Amino acid sequence: MAHIGKLVVCGVGLIGGSFALALRRAGAVERIVGIGRRREVLERACALGVIDEIAEGWADALDGADLVLLAAPVGQTDAILAAMAPHLRPGTIVTDAGSTKRDVVAALRTHLGGALADVVPAHPIAGAEKSGVEAAFAELYMGRKVVLTPLPESRPEAVQKVRDAWEACGANVVGMTPQEHDRVFAAVSHLPHLLAFGLVDDLAGRSNAPLLFSHAASGFRDFTRIAGSHPEMWRDICVANRVALLEELDAYLGELARLRMMLVEGDGDGLEAVFERARHARNAWAEGLPIRTAE
């Protein structure tokens, strides 16, 4: 069980707030301090019992801190690290919840180069289409994966402390390199969000948009649910991971071109074969069964 005397959460929204609530529920933390851009958000977090107090600045926040979670959009990471670096003390462990890792690691090396032994990047694979501290809940991470991407410099004790904290939240912790992480999530997270946002934006911009949306049903709702996600957060993710995301988008455009040709040619058998393979893979994934790879 993790024991954290003072936890600092930078960015007390869905992710950071749920982390705080989960650790509080587990009895793994004594004191939770929030810091962020907007005072009104932190005051709301206090009122909801997500945090115990609001830091007046990084010097105040980091005084006696055991663990710091950076849970703001990844585009803010560089500025946050620059502000906190002068006040960081030896022994305070720093982790994050960013959905991209190579850019975060680069910022960490720039600003916390002398403290990397106590730095352990991470990414909780959990979220919801609603954001903000009001959406936070203690059960968000139950049974969900959290990916740790430790640095070569990360000391084992720091890695274990971060692992213990996430396990206290109910998460299943796995490890990857930052490079592998960004390639994997470009395919299974960042691309689906890009496609959902793009489809809804396309339909909403058409002259008959009211007619289209009035007839949209469960299939449209399921496919586009993630287009209700936080725009700033997903802007930052897509820009930060654009190299891997462009590779996945190009591969998907190739698949769309293949499907388009089948439609042009009226190739029903070809379409059915694609649909059958996709159905099999999707159902196997949903049921926790092995995915049959292409030979």
C-alpha atoms as a PDB file:
ATOM      1  CA  MET A   1       0.000   0.000   0.000  1.00  0.00           C
ATOM      2  CA  ALA A   2       1.326   3.413  -0.935  1.00  0.00           C
ATOM      3  CA  HIS A   3       1.739   5.880   1.917  1.00  0.00           C
ATOM      4  CA  ILE A   4       1.917   9.496   0.840  1.00  0.00           C
ATOM      5  CA  GLY A   5       2.217  12.210   3.424  1.00  0.00           C
ATOM      6  CA  LYS A   6       1.679  15.141   1.073  1.00  0.00           C
ATOM      7  CA  LEU A   7       0.370  14.748  -2.468  1.00  0.00           C
ATOM      8  CA  VAL A   8       0.440  17.660  -4.880  1.00  0.00           C
ATOM      9  CA  VAL A   9      -1.928  17.563  -7.849  1.00  0.00           C
ATOM     10  CA  CYS A  10      -1.280  20.042 -10.644  1.00  0.00           C
ATOM     11  CA  GLY A  11      -4.438  20.141 -12.749  1.00  0.00           C
ATOM     12  CA  VAL A  12      -7.351  19.097 -10.554  1.00  0.00           C
ATOM     13  CA  GLY A  13      -9.755  17.889 -13.224  1.00  0.00           C
ATOM     14  CA  LEU A  14     -11.143  14.479 -14.099  1.00  0.00           C
ATOM     15  CA  ILE A  15      -7.769  12.702 -14.083  1.00  0.00           C
ATOM     16  CA  GLY A  16      -6.012  14.518 -11.248  1.00  0.00           C
ATOM     17  CA  GLY A  17      -9.147  14.766  -9.156  1.00  0.00           C
ATOM     18  CA  SER A  18      -9.958  11.079  -9.538  1.00  0.00           C
ATOM     19  CA  PHE A  19      -6.372  10.179  -8.555  1.00  0.00           C
ATOM     20  CA  ALA A  20      -6.749  12.252  -5.387  1.00  0.00           C
ATOM     21  CA  LEU A  21     -10.142  10.768  -4.537  1.00  0.00           C
ATOM     22  CA  ALA A  22      -8.980   7.212  -5.166  1.00  0.00           C
ATOM     23  CA  LEU A  23      -5.949   7.585  -2.903  1.00  0.00           C
ATOM     24  CA  ARG A  24      -8.086   9.213  -0.225  1.00  0.00           C
ATOM     25  CA  ARG A  25     -10.583   6.365  -0.402  1.00  0.00           C
ATOM     26  CA  ALA A  26      -7.742   3.842  -0.075  1.00  0.00           C
ATOM     27  CA  GLY A  27      -6.343   5.622   2.974  1.00  0.00           C
ATOM     28  CA  ALA A  28      -3.044   6.021   1.137  1.00  0.00           C
ATOM     29  CA  VAL A  29      -2.614   9.788   1.511  1.00  0.00           C
ATOM     30  CA  GLU A  30      -2.699  12.208   4.439  1.00  0.00           C
ATOM     31  CA  ARG A  31      -2.853  15.604   2.767  1.00  0.00           C
ATOM     32  CA  ILE A  32      -3.734  16.667  -0.776  1.00  0.00           C
ATOM     33  CA  VAL A  33      -2.728  20.047  -2.151  1.00  0.00           C
ATOM     34  CA  GLY A  34      -3.955  21.422  -5.453  1.00  0.00           C
ATOM     35  CA  ILE A  35      -2.290  23.875  -7.801  1.00  0.00           C
ATOM     36  CA  GLY A  36      -3.372  25.090 -11.229  1.00  0.00           C
ATOM     37  CA  ARG A  37      -4.165  27.967 -13.557  1.00  0.00           C
ATOM     38  CA  ARG A  38      -7.633  28.860 -12.304  1.00  0.00           C
ATOM     39  CA  ARG A  39      -8.371  29.689  -8.694  1.00  0.00           C
ATOM     40  CA  GLU A  40     -12.100  29.032  -9.097  1.00  0.00           C
ATOM     41  CA  VAL A  41     -11.428  25.431 -10.176  1.00  0.00           C
ATOM     42  CA  LEU A  42      -9.239  24.842  -7.123  1.00  0.00           C
ATOM     43  CA  GLU A  43     -11.833  26.393  -4.833  1.00  0.00           C
ATOM     44  CA  ARG A  44     -14.451  24.079  -6.318  1.00  0.00           C
ATOM     45  CA  ALA A  45     -12.119  21.103  -5.763  1.00  0.00           C
ATOM     46  CA  CYS A  46     -11.782  22.125  -2.123  1.00  0.00           C
ATOM     47  CA  ALA A  47     -15.538  22.471  -1.741  1.00  0.00           C
ATOM     48  CA  LEU A  48     -16.034  18.984  -3.203  1.00  0.00           C
ATOM     49  CA  GLY A  49     -13.444  17.473  -0.864  1.00  0.00           C
ATOM     50  CA  VAL A  50     -11.128  16.481  -3.709  1.00  0.00           C
ATOM     51  CA  ILE A  51      -8.210  18.448  -2.264  1.00  0.00           C
ATOM     52  CA  ASP A  52      -7.544  19.691   1.251  1.00  0.00           C
ATOM     53  CA  GLU A  53      -5.956  23.016   0.407  1.00  0.00           C
ATOM     54  CA  ILE A  54      -4.820  25.300  -2.404  1.00  0.00           C
ATOM     55  CA  ALA A  55      -1.143  26.098  -2.880  1.00  0.00           C
ATOM     56  CA  GLU A  56      -0.269  29.754  -3.307  1.00  0.00           C
ATOM     57  CA  GLY A  57       2.584  28.845  -5.651  1.00  0.00           C
ATOM     58  CA  TRP A  58       5.137  26.155  -6.365  1.00  0.00           C
ATOM     59  CA  ALA A  59       7.326  27.020  -3.359  1.00  0.00           C
ATOM     60  CA  ASP A  60       4.324  26.436  -1.106  1.00  0.00           C
ATOM     61  CA  ALA A  61       3.141  23.362  -2.996  1.00  0.00           C
ATOM     62  CA  LEU A  62       6.491  21.562  -2.974  1.00  0.00           C
ATOM     63  CA  ASP A  63       7.367  22.279   0.657  1.00  0.00           C
ATOM     64  CA  GLY A  64       7.422  18.785   2.189  1.00  0.00           C
ATOM     65  CA  ALA A  65       5.803  17.149  -0.830  1.00  0.00           C
ATOM     66  CA  ASP A  66       6.224  13.381  -1.227  1.00  0.00           C
ATOM     67  CA  LEU A  67       4.601  12.956  -4.643  1.00  0.00           C
ATOM     68  CA  VAL A  68       3.621  15.369  -7.413  1.00  0.00           C
ATOM     69  CA  LEU A  69       1.154  14.404 -10.146  1.00  0.00           C
ATOM     70  CA  LEU A  70       1.125  16.590 -13.248  1.00  0.00           C
ATOM     71  CA  ALA A  71      -2.374  16.161 -14.668  1.00  0.00           C
ATOM     72  CA  ALA A  72      -2.724  19.293 -16.806  1.00  0.00           C
ATOM     73  CA  PRO A  73      -2.963  19.091 -20.633  1.00  0.00           C
ATOM     74  CA  VAL A  74       0.394  18.003 -22.076  1.00  0.00           C
ATOM     75  CA  GLY A  75       0.811  21.300 -23.908  1.00  0.00           C
ATOM     76  CA  GLN A  76       1.281  22.992 -20.519  1.00  0.00           C
ATOM     77  CA  THR A  77       4.011  20.607 -19.346  1.00  0.00           C
ATOM     78  CA  ASP A  78       7.004  22.686 -20.396  1.00  0.00           C
ATOM     79  CA  ALA A  79       5.766  25.839 -18.655  1.00  0.00           C
ATOM     80  CA  ILE A  80       4.742  23.913 -15.532  1.00  0.00           C
ATOM     81  CA  LEU A  81       8.132  22.221 -15.203  1.00  0.00           C
ATOM     82  CA  ALA A  82       9.956  25.517 -15.727  1.00  0.00           C
ATOM     83  CA  ALA A  83       7.928  27.071 -12.904  1.00  0.00           C
ATOM     84  CA  MET A  84       8.299  24.191 -10.453  1.00  0.00           C
ATOM     85  CA  ALA A  85      11.962  23.300 -11.083  1.00  0.00           C
ATOM     86  CA  PRO A  86      13.535  26.006  -8.849  1.00  0.00           C
ATOM     87  CA  HIS A  87      11.454  24.820  -5.886  1.00  0.00           C
ATOM     88  CA  LEU A  88      11.796  21.042  -6.279  1.00  0.00           C
ATOM     89  CA  ARG A  89      13.594  19.385  -3.379  1.00  0.00           C
ATOM     90  CA  PRO A  90      15.519  16.078  -3.309  1.00  0.00           C
ATOM     91  CA  GLY A  91      13.311  13.105  -2.571  1.00  0.00           C
ATOM     92  CA  THR A  92      10.078  14.546  -4.004  1.00  0.00           C
ATOM     93  CA  ILE A  93       8.849  12.137  -6.659  1.00  0.00           C
ATOM     94  CA  VAL A  94       7.383  13.633  -9.830  1.00  0.00           C
ATOM     95  CA  THR A  95       5.049  11.735 -12.150  1.00  0.00           C
ATOM     96  CA  ASP A  96       2.480  12.720 -14.749  1.00  0.00           C
ATOM     97  CA  ALA A  97      -0.683  11.507 -16.418  1.00  0.00           C
ATOM     98  CA  GLY A  98      -0.003  12.703 -19.954  1.00  0.00           C
ATOM     99  CA  SER A  99      -1.346  10.812 -22.950  1.00  0.00           C
ATOM    100  CA  THR A 100       1.921  11.373 -24.833  1.00  0.00           C
ATOM    101  CA  LYS A 101       5.334  10.567 -23.481  1.00  0.00           C
ATOM    102  CA  ARG A 102       8.225  11.554 -25.760  1.00  0.00           C
ATOM    103  CA  ASP A 103       7.403  15.262 -25.532  1.00  0.00           C
ATOM    104  CA  VAL A 104       6.909  15.006 -21.776  1.00  0.00           C
ATOM    105  CA  VAL A 105      10.237  13.214 -21.368  1.00  0.00           C
ATOM    106  CA  ALA A 106      11.975  15.910 -23.428  1.00  0.00           C
ATOM    107  CA  ALA A 107      10.525  18.624 -21.167  1.00  0.00           C
ATOM    108  CA  LEU A 108      11.511  16.678 -18.058  1.00  0.00           C
ATOM    109  CA  ARG A 109      15.092  16.397 -19.284  1.00  0.00           C
ATOM    110  CA  THR A 110      15.197  20.098 -20.066  1.00  0.00           C
ATOM    111  CA  HIS A 111      13.897  21.341 -16.731  1.00  0.00           C
ATOM    112  CA  LEU A 112      14.496  18.549 -14.202  1.00  0.00           C
ATOM    113  CA  GLY A 113      17.771  17.186 -15.546  1.00  0.00           C
ATOM    114  CA  GLY A 114      19.341  17.051 -12.103  1.00  0.00           C
ATOM    115  CA  ALA A 115      16.381  15.310 -10.475  1.00  0.00           C
ATOM    116  CA  LEU A 116      15.574  12.539 -12.955  1.00  0.00           C
ATOM    117  CA  ALA A 117      16.196   9.807 -10.383  1.00  0.00           C
ATOM    118  CA  ASP A 118      12.911  10.876  -8.787  1.00  0.00           C
ATOM    119  CA  VAL A 119      10.952  11.249 -12.043  1.00  0.00           C
ATOM    120  CA  VAL A 120       8.626   8.486 -13.297  1.00  0.00           C
ATOM    121  CA  PRO A 121       6.427   9.359 -16.321  1.00  0.00           C
ATOM    122  CA  ALA A 122       3.085   7.552 -16.506  1.00  0.00           C
ATOM    123  CA  HIS A 123      -0.207   7.431 -18.383  1.00  0.00           C
ATOM    124  CA  PRO A 124      -3.502   6.171 -16.900  1.00  0.00           C
ATOM    125  CA  ILE A 125      -5.628   4.542 -19.615  1.00  0.00           C
ATOM    126  CA  ALA A 126      -8.871   5.910 -18.261  1.00  0.00           C
ATOM    127  CA  GLY A 127     -11.082   8.859 -18.913  1.00  0.00           C
ATOM    128  CA  ALA A 128     -14.552   9.963 -19.901  1.00  0.00           C
ATOM    129  CA  GLU A 129     -16.147  12.319 -22.365  1.00  0.00           C
ATOM    130  CA  LYS A 130     -16.869  14.718 -19.491  1.00  0.00           C
ATOM    131  CA  SER A 131     -14.039  16.734 -17.971  1.00  0.00           C
ATOM    132  CA  GLY A 132     -13.443  18.983 -14.986  1.00  0.00           C
ATOM    133  CA  VAL A 133     -13.276  18.391 -11.268  1.00  0.00           C
ATOM    134  CA  GLU A 134     -17.036  17.826 -11.061  1.00  0.00           C
ATOM    135  CA  ALA A 135     -16.559  14.727 -13.229  1.00  0.00           C
ATOM    136  CA  ALA A 136     -13.893  13.215 -10.939  1.00  0.00           C
ATOM    137  CA  PHE A 137     -14.759  10.030  -9.063  1.00  0.00           C
ATOM    138  CA  ALA A 138     -12.739   7.609  -6.938  1.00  0.00           C
ATOM    139  CA  GLU A 139     -13.544   4.515  -9.004  1.00  0.00           C
ATOM    140  CA  LEU A 140     -12.247   5.847 -12.329  1.00  0.00           C
ATOM    141  CA  TYR A 141      -9.090   3.705 -12.257  1.00  0.00           C
ATOM    142  CA  MET A 142     -10.568   0.479 -10.913  1.00  0.00           C
ATOM    143  CA  GLY A 143      -9.423  -2.344 -13.193  1.00  0.00           C
ATOM    144  CA  ARG A 144      -7.923   0.110 -15.714  1.00  0.00           C
ATOM    145  CA  LYS A 145      -4.378  -0.011 -17.038  1.00  0.00           C
ATOM    146  CA  VAL A 146      -1.744   2.528 -16.129  1.00  0.00           C
ATOM    147  CA  VAL A 147       1.414   2.582 -18.245  1.00  0.00           C
ATOM    148  CA  LEU A 148       4.669   3.541 -16.546  1.00  0.00           C
ATOM    149  CA  THR A 149       7.478   4.723 -18.821  1.00  0.00           C
ATOM    150  CA  PRO A 150      10.421   5.068 -16.416  1.00  0.00           C
ATOM    151  CA  LEU A 151      13.570   6.833 -17.496  1.00  0.00           C
ATOM    152  CA  PRO A 152      16.940   5.088 -17.409  1.00  0.00           C
ATOM    153  CA  GLU A 153      17.758   7.407 -14.501  1.00  0.00           C
ATOM    154  CA  SER A 154      14.599   6.612 -12.499  1.00  0.00           C
ATOM    155  CA  ARG A 155      15.580   4.957  -9.228  1.00  0.00           C
ATOM    156  CA  PRO A 156      13.725   1.700  -8.429  1.00  0.00           C
ATOM    157  CA  GLU A 157      12.294   3.131  -5.200  1.00  0.00           C
ATOM    158  CA  ALA A 158      10.687   6.005  -7.092  1.00  0.00           C
ATOM    159  CA  VAL A 159       9.216   3.656  -9.693  1.00  0.00           C
ATOM    160  CA  GLN A 160       7.821   1.463  -6.923  1.00  0.00           C
ATOM    161  CA  LYS A 161       6.292   4.466  -5.138  1.00  0.00           C
ATOM    162  CA  VAL A 162       4.435   5.509  -8.289  1.00  0.00           C
ATOM    163  CA  ARG A 163       3.417   1.906  -8.993  1.00  0.00           C
ATOM    164  CA  ASP A 164       2.085   1.544  -5.455  1.00  0.00           C
ATOM    165  CA  ALA A 165       0.089   4.768  -5.753  1.00  0.00           C
ATOM    166  CA  TRP A 166      -1.655   3.654  -8.930  1.00  0.00           C
ATOM    167  CA  GLU A 167      -2.280   0.173  -7.562  1.00  0.00           C
ATOM    168  CA  ALA A 168      -3.859   1.781  -4.487  1.00  0.00           C
ATOM    169  CA  CYS A 169      -6.260   3.436  -6.965  1.00  0.00           C
ATOM    170  CA  GLY A 170      -7.220  -0.038  -8.209  1.00  0.00           C
ATOM    171  CA  ALA A 171      -5.268   0.135 -11.464  1.00  0.00           C
ATOM    172  CA  ASN A 172      -3.296  -2.579 -13.249  1.00  0.00           C
ATOM    173  CA  VAL A 173       0.201  -1.222 -13.891  1.00  0.00           C
ATOM    174  CA  VAL A 174       2.294  -2.148 -16.945  1.00  0.00           C
ATOM    175  CA  GLY A 175       5.524  -0.789 -18.408  1.00  0.00           C
ATOM    176  CA  MET A 176       6.644   0.502 -21.822  1.00  0.00           C
ATOM    177  CA  THR A 177       9.294   2.749 -23.266  1.00  0.00           C
ATOM    178  CA  PRO A 178       8.116   6.286 -24.134  1.00  0.00           C
ATOM    179  CA  GLN A 179       8.638   5.547 -27.846  1.00  0.00           C
ATOM    180  CA  GLU A 180       6.588   2.343 -27.776  1.00  0.00           C
ATOM    181  CA  HIS A 181       3.888   4.079 -25.761  1.00  0.00           C
ATOM    182  CA  ASP A 182       3.426   6.843 -28.313  1.00  0.00           C
ATOM    183  CA  ARG A 183       3.277   4.419 -31.250  1.00  0.00           C
ATOM    184  CA  VAL A 184       0.694   2.213 -29.550  1.00  0.00           C
ATOM    185  CA  PHE A 185      -1.595   5.017 -28.439  1.00  0.00           C
ATOM    186  CA  ALA A 186      -1.416   6.835 -31.749  1.00  0.00           C
ATOM    187  CA  ALA A 187      -3.167   3.764 -33.181  1.00  0.00           C
ATOM    188  CA  VAL A 188      -5.701   2.850 -30.517  1.00  0.00           C
ATOM    189  CA  SER A 189      -6.509   6.202 -28.892  1.00  0.00           C
ATOM    190  CA  HIS A 190      -5.310   9.285 -30.718  1.00  0.00           C
ATOM    191  CA  LEU A 191      -6.466   8.208 -34.192  1.00  0.00           C
ATOM    192  CA  PRO A 192      -9.992   7.233 -33.024  1.00  0.00           C
ATOM    193  CA  HIS A 193     -10.377  10.616 -31.319  1.00  0.00           C
ATOM    194  CA  LEU A 194      -9.172  12.450 -34.417  1.00  0.00           C
ATOM    195  CA  LEU A 195     -11.661  10.520 -36.586  1.00  0.00           C
ATOM    196  CA  ALA A 196     -14.585  11.097 -34.209  1.00  0.00           C
ATOM    197  CA  PHE A 197     -13.922  14.837 -33.965  1.00  0.00           C
ATOM    198  CA  GLY A 198     -13.493  15.041 -37.734  1.00  0.00           C
ATOM    199  CA  LEU A 199     -16.722  13.209 -38.548  1.00  0.00           C
ATOM    200  CA  VAL A 200     -18.849  15.310 -36.188  1.00  0.00           C
ATOM    201  CA  ASP A 201     -17.259  18.541 -37.438  1.00  0.00           C
ATOM    202  CA  ASP A 202     -17.889  17.528 -41.050  1.00  0.00           C
ATOM    203  CA  LEU A 203     -21.559  16.744 -40.464  1.00  0.00           C
ATOM    204  CA  ALA A 204     -22.116  19.812 -38.286  1.00  0.00           C
ATOM    205  CA  GLY A 205     -20.785  22.038 -41.073  1.00  0.00           C
ATOM    206  CA  ARG A 206     -23.234  20.805 -43.697  1.00  0.00           C
ATOM    207  CA  SER A 207     -26.298  22.790 -44.726  1.00  0.00           C
ATOM    208  CA  ASN A 208     -28.584  19.913 -43.707  1.00  0.00           C
ATOM    209  CA  ALA A 209     -26.895  19.326 -40.355  1.00  0.00           C
ATOM    210  CA  PRO A 210     -30.151  19.578 -38.315  1.00  0.00           C
ATOM    211  CA  LEU A 211     -31.714  16.865 -40.485  1.00  0.00           C
ATOM    212  CA  LEU A 212     -28.653  14.623 -40.188  1.00  0.00           C
ATOM    213  CA  PHE A 213     -28.366  14.916 -36.421  1.00  0.00           C
ATOM    214  CA  SER A 214     -32.108  14.467 -35.926  1.00  0.00           C
ATOM    215  CA  HIS A 215     -31.838  11.007 -37.491  1.00  0.00           C
ATOM    216  CA  ALA A 216     -28.586   9.944 -35.804  1.00  0.00           C
ATOM    217  CA  ALA A 217     -29.107   6.985 -33.484  1.00  0.00           C
ATOM    218  CA  SER A 218     -27.098   4.580 -31.340  1.00  0.00           C
ATOM    219  CA  GLY A 219     -24.472   3.751 -33.963  1.00  0.00           C
ATOM    220  CA  PHE A 220     -23.605   7.420 -34.399  1.00  0.00           C
ATOM    221  CA  ARG A 221     -23.702   7.951 -30.636  1.00  0.00           C
ATOM    222  CA  ASP A 222     -21.310   5.055 -30.003  1.00  0.00           C
ATOM    223  CA  PHE A 223     -18.880   6.037 -32.749  1.00  0.00           C
ATOM    224  CA  THR A 224     -18.768   9.709 -31.800  1.00  0.00           C
ATOM    225  CA  ARG A 225     -18.956   9.534 -27.997  1.00  0.00           C
ATOM    226  CA  ILE A 226     -15.299  10.539 -27.666  1.00  0.00           C
ATOM    227  CA  ALA A 227     -15.891  13.679 -29.733  1.00  0.00           C
ATOM    228  CA  GLY A 228     -17.376  15.080 -26.527  1.00  0.00           C
ATOM    229  CA  SER A 229     -13.906  15.025 -24.935  1.00  0.00           C
ATOM    230  CA  HIS A 230     -11.834  18.021 -23.805  1.00  0.00           C
ATOM    231  CA  PRO A 231     -10.770  19.959 -26.961  1.00  0.00           C
ATOM    232  CA  GLU A 232      -7.655  21.576 -25.444  1.00  0.00           C
ATOM    233  CA  MET A 233      -6.379  18.289 -24.100  1.00  0.00           C
ATOM    234  CA  TRP A 234      -6.854  16.496 -27.414  1.00  0.00           C
ATOM    235  CA  ARG A 235      -5.374  19.378 -29.400  1.00  0.00           C
ATOM    236  CA  ASP A 236      -2.217  19.067 -27.314  1.00  0.00           C
ATOM    237  CA  ILE A 237      -2.124  15.273 -27.620  1.00  0.00           C
ATOM    238  CA  CYS A 238      -2.504  15.296 -31.408  1.00  0.00           C
ATOM    239  CA  VAL A 239       0.129  17.975 -31.923  1.00  0.00           C
ATOM    240  CA  ALA A 240       2.580  16.379 -29.480  1.00  0.00           C
ATOM    241  CA  ASN A 241       2.266  12.925 -31.050  1.00  0.00           C
ATOM    242  CA  ARG A 242       1.783  14.091 -34.635  1.00  0.00           C
ATOM    243  CA  VAL A 243       4.638  12.013 -36.106  1.00  0.00           C
ATOM    244  CA  ALA A 244       3.187   8.695 -34.941  1.00  0.00           C
ATOM    245  CA  LEU A 245      -0.364   9.916 -35.514  1.00  0.00           C
ATOM    246  CA  LEU A 246       0.385  10.868 -39.118  1.00  0.00           C
ATOM    247  CA  GLU A 247       1.750   7.368 -39.745  1.00  0.00           C
ATOM    248  CA  GLU A 248      -1.469   5.846 -38.390  1.00  0.00           C
ATOM    249  CA  LEU A 249      -3.651   8.300 -40.308  1.00  0.00           C
ATOM    250  CA  ASP A 250      -1.845   7.486 -43.555  1.00  0.00           C
ATOM    251  CA  ALA A 251      -2.325   3.768 -42.931  1.00  0.00           C
ATOM    252  CA  TYR A 252      -6.025   4.350 -42.272  1.00  0.00           C
ATOM    253  CA  LEU A 253      -6.387   6.454 -45.402  1.00  0.00           C
ATOM    254  CA  GLY A 254      -4.991   3.466 -47.295  1.00  0.00           C
ATOM    255  CA  GLU A 255      -7.661   1.258 -45.747  1.00  0.00           C
ATOM    256  CA  LEU A 256     -10.354   3.777 -46.680  1.00  0.00           C
ATOM    257  CA  ALA A 257      -9.076   3.869 -50.257  1.00  0.00           C
ATOM    258  CA  ARG A 258      -9.296   0.066 -50.382  1.00  0.00           C
ATOM    259  CA  LEU A 259     -12.864   0.133 -49.065  1.00  0.00           C
ATOM    260  CA  ARG A 260     -13.770   2.874 -51.528  1.00  0.00           C
ATOM    261  CA  MET A 261     -12.526   0.758 -54.432  1.00  0.00           C
ATOM    262  CA  MET A 262     -14.647  -2.151 -53.234  1.00  0.00           C
ATOM    263  CA  LEU A 263     -17.681   0.126 -53.257  1.00  0.00           C
ATOM    264  CA  VAL A 264     -16.845   1.449 -56.741  1.00  0.00           C
ATOM    265  CA  GLU A 265     -16.561  -2.099 -58.031  1.00  0.00           C
ATOM    266  CA  GLY A 266     -19.606  -3.354 -56.103  1.00  0.00           C
ATOM    267  CA  ASP A 267     -17.354  -5.951 -54.441  1.00  0.00           C
ATOM    268  CA  GLY A 268     -19.762  -7.261 -51.826  1.00  0.00           C
ATOM    269  CA  ASP A 269     -17.638 -10.322 -51.093  1.00  0.00           C
ATOM    270  CA  GLY A 270     -14.605  -8.143 -50.400  1.00  0.00           C
ATOM    271  CA  LEU A 271     -16.563  -5.865 -48.081  1.00  0.00           C
ATOM    272  CA  GLU A 272     -18.025  -8.830 -46.213  1.00  0.00           C
ATOM    273  CA  ALA A 273     -14.557 -10.329 -45.729  1.00  0.00           C
ATOM    274  CA  VAL A 274     -13.309  -7.046 -44.216  1.00  0.00           C
ATOM    275  CA  PHE A 275     -16.373  -6.781 -42.002  1.00  0.00           C
ATOM    276  CA  GLU A 276     -16.003 -10.386 -40.841  1.00  0.00           C
ATOM    277  CA  ARG A 277     -12.345  -9.946 -39.913  1.00  0.00           C
ATOM    278  CA  ALA A 278     -13.148  -6.734 -38.094  1.00  0.00           C
ATOM    279  CA  ARG A 279     -16.093  -8.285 -36.259  1.00  0.00           C
ATOM    280  CA  HIS A 280     -13.966 -11.217 -35.148  1.00  0.00           C
ATOM    281  CA  ALA A 281     -11.138  -9.001 -33.916  1.00  0.00           C
ATOM    282  CA  ARG A 282     -13.448  -6.579 -32.141  1.00  0.00           C
ATOM    283  CA  ASN A 283     -15.426  -9.313 -30.386  1.00  0.00           C
ATOM    284  CA  ALA A 284     -12.262 -11.158 -29.369  1.00  0.00           C
ATOM    285  CA  TRP A 285     -10.863  -7.948 -27.865  1.00  0.00           C
ATOM    286  CA  ALA A 286     -14.137  -7.210 -26.037  1.00  0.00           C
ATOM    287  CA  GLU A 287     -14.182 -10.725 -24.574  1.00  0.00           C
ATOM    288  CA  GLY A 288     -10.517 -10.691 -23.589  1.00  0.00           C
ATOM    289  CA  LEU A 289      -9.555 -13.355 -26.126  1.00  0.00           C
ATOM    290  CA  PRO A 290      -6.363 -13.432 -28.242  1.00  0.00           C
ATOM    291  CA  ILE A 291      -6.483 -11.347 -31.419  1.00  0.00           C
ATOM    292  CA  ARG A 292      -5.699 -13.321 -34.580  1.00  0.00           C
ATOM    293  CA  THR A 293      -2.930 -11.471 -36.401  1.00  0.00           C
ATOM    294  CA  ALA A 294      -2.632 -11.253 -40.171  1.00  0.00           C
ATOM    295  CA  GLU A 295      -0.269 -13.813 -41.664  1.00  0.00           C
END
